[in-house]
C-alpha atoms as a PDB file:
ATOM      1  CA  MET A   1     -18.509  -1.925  -7.535  1.00  0.00           C
ATOM      2  CA  THR A   2     -14.959  -0.659  -7.355  1.00  0.00           C
ATOM      3  CA  ASP A   3     -13.770   1.923  -9.894  1.00  0.00           C
ATOM      4  CA  SER A   4     -11.077   0.341 -12.162  1.00  0.00           C
ATOM      5  CA  ARG A   5      -8.804   3.384 -11.474  1.00  0.00           C
ATOM      6  CA  VAL A   6      -8.437   2.389  -7.781  1.00  0.00           C
ATOM      7  CA  GLY A   7      -5.095   0.665  -7.379  1.00  0.00           C
ATOM      8  CA  LEU A   8      -3.415   2.368 -10.367  1.00  0.00           C
ATOM      9  CA  THR A   9       0.225   2.941  -9.449  1.00  0.00           C
ATOM     10  CA  VAL A  10       2.685   5.322 -11.135  1.00  0.00           C
ATOM     11  CA  THR A  11       6.415   5.351 -10.330  1.00  0.00           C
ATOM     12  CA  HIS A  12       9.029   7.963 -11.101  1.00  0.00           C
ATOM     13  CA  ARG A  13      12.739   7.854 -10.291  1.00  0.00           C
ATOM     14  CA  ARG A  14      14.990  10.865  -9.974  1.00  0.00           C
ATOM     15  CA  TYR A  15      18.645  11.519  -9.170  1.00  0.00           C
ATOM     16  CA  VAL A  16      18.956  14.219  -6.498  1.00  0.00           C
ATOM     17  CA  PRO A  17      21.636  16.639  -7.696  1.00  0.00           C
ATOM     18  CA  TYR A  18      24.086  18.202  -5.291  1.00  0.00           C
ATOM     19  CA  SER A  19      22.728  21.610  -6.265  1.00  0.00           C
ATOM     20  CA  HIS A  20      19.671  20.702  -4.177  1.00  0.00           C
ATOM     21  CA  ALA A  21      21.580  20.175  -0.930  1.00  0.00           C
ATOM     22  CA  HIS A  22      20.149  22.694   1.500  1.00  0.00           C
ATOM     23  CA  TYR A  23      21.539  21.663   4.907  1.00  0.00           C
ATOM     24  CA  ALA A  24      24.693  20.215   6.445  1.00  0.00           C
ATOM     25  CA  GLY A  25      25.486  16.652   5.427  1.00  0.00           C
ATOM     26  CA  SER A  26      24.076  17.285   1.932  1.00  0.00           C
ATOM     27  CA  LEU A  27      20.512  17.092   3.252  1.00  0.00           C
ATOM     28  CA  VAL A  28      17.697  18.069   0.888  1.00  0.00           C
ATOM     29  CA  ASP A  29      14.669  19.936   2.292  1.00  0.00           C
ATOM     30  CA  GLY A  30      11.368  18.092   2.598  1.00  0.00           C
ATOM     31  CA  ALA A  31       9.773  20.265  -0.062  1.00  0.00           C
ATOM     32  CA  TYR A  32      11.894  18.393  -2.632  1.00  0.00           C
ATOM     33  CA  ALA A  33       9.863  15.212  -2.058  1.00  0.00           C
ATOM     34  CA  LEU A  34       6.585  17.099  -2.105  1.00  0.00           C
ATOM     35  CA  GLY A  35       7.486  18.469  -5.504  1.00  0.00           C
ATOM     36  CA  LEU A  36       8.152  14.950  -6.758  1.00  0.00           C
ATOM     37  CA  PHE A  37       4.761  13.897  -5.376  1.00  0.00           C
ATOM     38  CA  GLY A  38       3.198  16.671  -7.508  1.00  0.00           C
ATOM     39  CA  ASP A  39       4.960  15.357 -10.603  1.00  0.00           C
ATOM     40  CA  VAL A  40       3.839  11.770 -10.097  1.00  0.00           C
ATOM     41  CA  ALA A  41       0.301  12.951  -9.207  1.00  0.00           C
ATOM     42  CA  THR A  42       0.179  14.796 -12.581  1.00  0.00           C
ATOM     43  CA  GLU A  43       0.911  11.560 -14.468  1.00  0.00           C
ATOM     44  CA  VAL A  44      -1.715   9.746 -12.404  1.00  0.00           C
ATOM     45  CA  CYS A  45      -4.343  12.359 -13.446  1.00  0.00           C
ATOM     46  CA  ILE A  46      -3.268  12.140 -17.095  1.00  0.00           C
ATOM     47  CA  ARG A  47      -3.623   8.326 -16.984  1.00  0.00           C
ATOM     48  CA  THR A  48      -6.948   8.270 -15.145  1.00  0.00           C
ATOM     49  CA  ASP A  49      -8.703  11.268 -16.563  1.00  0.00           C
ATOM     50  CA  GLY A  50      -6.820  12.651 -19.589  1.00  0.00           C
ATOM     51  CA  ASP A  51      -6.088  15.902 -17.771  1.00  0.00           C
ATOM     52  CA  GLU A  52      -3.182  17.126 -15.642  1.00  0.00           C
ATOM     53  CA  GLY A  53      -5.536  17.863 -12.763  1.00  0.00           C
ATOM     54  CA  LEU A  54      -4.689  20.068  -9.792  1.00  0.00           C
ATOM     55  CA  PHE A  55      -3.288  19.169  -6.389  1.00  0.00           C
ATOM     56  CA  ALA A  56      -5.880  20.195  -3.786  1.00  0.00           C
ATOM     57  CA  SER A  57      -4.441  19.140  -0.454  1.00  0.00           C
ATOM     58  CA  TYR A  58      -2.425  16.785   1.724  1.00  0.00           C
ATOM     59  CA  SER A  59      -4.226  15.047   4.649  1.00  0.00           C
ATOM     60  CA  ASP A  60      -0.990  13.568   5.964  1.00  0.00           C
ATOM     61  CA  VAL A  61       2.743  14.006   5.382  1.00  0.00           C
ATOM     62  CA  GLN A  62       5.392  12.087   7.312  1.00  0.00           C
ATOM     63  CA  PHE A  63       9.126  12.780   6.957  1.00  0.00           C
ATOM     64  CA  ARG A  64      10.668   9.467   8.016  1.00  0.00           C
ATOM     65  CA  ALA A  65      14.274   9.548   6.858  1.00  0.00           C
ATOM     66  CA  ALA A  66      16.735  11.927   5.225  1.00  0.00           C
ATOM     67  CA  VAL A  67      16.985  12.504   1.499  1.00  0.00           C
ATOM     68  CA  ARG A  68      20.508  13.558   0.526  1.00  0.00           C
ATOM     69  CA  ALA A  69      22.158  14.959  -2.571  1.00  0.00           C
ATOM     70  CA  GLY A  70      23.521  12.014  -4.571  1.00  0.00           C
ATOM     71  CA  ASP A  71      20.516   9.790  -3.771  1.00  0.00           C
ATOM     72  CA  VAL A  72      18.261   8.185  -6.382  1.00  0.00           C
ATOM     73  CA  VAL A  73      14.674   8.579  -5.135  1.00  0.00           C
ATOM     74  CA  GLU A  74      11.796   6.402  -6.313  1.00  0.00           C
ATOM     75  CA  VAL A  75       8.429   8.087  -5.900  1.00  0.00           C
ATOM     76  CA  VAL A  76       5.216   6.073  -6.083  1.00  0.00           C
ATOM     77  CA  ALA A  77       1.625   7.270  -6.165  1.00  0.00           C
ATOM     78  CA  THR A  78      -1.285   4.862  -5.844  1.00  0.00           C
ATOM     79  CA  VAL A  79      -4.945   5.762  -6.345  1.00  0.00           C
ATOM     80  CA  THR A  80      -6.914   4.740  -3.279  1.00  0.00           C
ATOM     81  CA  ARG A  81     -10.271   6.485  -3.887  1.00  0.00           C
ATOM     82  CA  VAL A  82     -12.113   7.904  -6.904  1.00  0.00           C
ATOM     83  CA  GLY A  83     -14.843  10.538  -6.418  1.00  0.00           C
ATOM     84  CA  SER A  84     -16.771  12.375  -9.091  1.00  0.00           C
ATOM     85  CA  ARG A  85     -13.949  14.966  -9.492  1.00  0.00           C
ATOM     86  CA  SER A  86     -11.469  14.086  -6.729  1.00  0.00           C
ATOM     87  CA  ARG A  87      -8.876  11.350  -6.453  1.00  0.00           C
ATOM     88  CA  THR A  88      -7.166  10.308  -3.229  1.00  0.00           C
ATOM     89  CA  LEU A  89      -3.558   9.208  -3.659  1.00  0.00           C
ATOM     90  CA  ASP A  90      -1.103   7.546  -1.351  1.00  0.00           C
ATOM     91  CA  PHE A  91       2.526   8.550  -1.906  1.00  0.00           C
ATOM     92  CA  GLN A  92       5.835   7.098  -0.930  1.00  0.00           C
ATOM     93  CA  ALA A  93       9.366   8.447  -1.602  1.00  0.00           C
ATOM     94  CA  ARG A  94      12.055   5.781  -1.231  1.00  0.00           C
ATOM     95  CA  VAL A  95      15.801   6.170  -1.442  1.00  0.00           C
ATOM     96  CA  VAL A  96      16.968   3.337  -3.705  1.00  0.00           C
ATOM     97  CA  CYS A  97      20.626   4.456  -4.301  1.00  0.00           C
ATOM     98  CA  ARG A  98      22.854   6.561  -2.106  1.00  0.00           C
ATOM     99  CA  GLY A  99      26.021   8.529  -2.768  1.00  0.00           C
ATOM    100  CA  ARG A 100      28.950   7.411  -0.650  1.00  0.00           C
ATOM    101  CA  PRO A 101      31.362  10.402  -0.725  1.00  0.00           C
ATOM    102  CA  GLU A 102      33.410   8.933   2.092  1.00  0.00           C
ATOM    103  CA  ARG A 103      34.546   6.266  -0.423  1.00  0.00           C
ATOM    104  CA  GLY A 104      35.356   8.731  -3.150  1.00  0.00           C
ATOM    105  CA  ALA A 105      34.015  11.848  -4.843  1.00  0.00           C
ATOM    106  CA  SER A 106      31.688   9.932  -7.168  1.00  0.00           C
ATOM    107  CA  ALA A 107      31.157   6.717  -5.205  1.00  0.00           C
ATOM    108  CA  ALA A 108      27.572   5.451  -4.816  1.00  0.00           C
ATOM    109  CA  GLU A 109      25.697   2.212  -4.143  1.00  0.00           C
ATOM    110  CA  VAL A 110      22.379   0.558  -4.782  1.00  0.00           C
ATOM    111  CA  LEU A 111      20.725  -0.030  -1.405  1.00  0.00           C
ATOM    112  CA  ALA A 112      19.810  -3.620  -0.553  1.00  0.00           C
ATOM    113  CA  GLU A 113      16.602  -2.351   0.979  1.00  0.00           C
ATOM    114  CA  PRO A 114      15.095   0.984  -0.024  1.00  0.00           C
ATOM    115  CA  ILE A 115      14.802   3.616   2.681  1.00  0.00           C
ATOM    116  CA  VAL A 116      11.283   5.017   3.042  1.00  0.00           C
ATOM    117  CA  ALA A 117      11.956   8.725   3.350  1.00  0.00           C
ATOM    118  CA  VAL A 118       8.538  10.411   3.015  1.00  0.00           C
ATOM    119  CA  THR A 119       4.959   9.155   2.937  1.00  0.00           C
ATOM    120  CA  ALA A 120       1.833  11.189   2.309  1.00  0.00           C
ATOM    121  CA  THR A 121      -1.857  11.092   1.409  1.00  0.00           C
ATOM    122  CA  GLY A 122      -3.144  13.726  -0.952  1.00  0.00           C
ATOM    123  CA  THR A 123      -6.191  14.748  -2.981  1.00  0.00           C
ATOM    124  CA  VAL A 124      -6.150  15.859  -6.601  1.00  0.00           C
ATOM    125  CA  VAL A 125      -9.060  17.250  -8.579  1.00  0.00           C
ATOM    126  CA  VAL A 126      -9.851  16.922 -12.248  1.00  0.00           C
ATOM    127  CA  PRO A 127     -12.463  18.680 -14.438  1.00  0.00           C
ATOM    128  CA  ALA A 128     -15.983  17.276 -14.397  1.00  0.00           C
ATOM    129  CA  SER A 129     -16.682  14.638 -17.052  1.00  0.00           C
ATOM    130  CA  SER A 130     -18.733  15.935 -19.959  1.00  0.00           C
END
């Protein structure tokens, strides 16, 4: 019997401010996406267990494409396994809008196809059920 929490998906969207640009070309460091994964994992834990939980580990992180200041990033976490106190989550960070400074200081566009920027698998833990 499959736990009803398996398959739960939580999505957050965030505008990436220019103050987070860390490298040339307005690139944002990879830790930015990992921080977003932590935020969405917290909501997953609240929804599944009524507790914020704790992030225990990543078993895989793949940086696939650049995240830039001016992007809108959609971060998705999906529960793939439920243990007695641990939950395995698959994460994806997708760029859904991108700034286009070459067209003007505040120009931006919605991307026809999101760009998968970062994927990961992680484990969170929650308190034991009473």
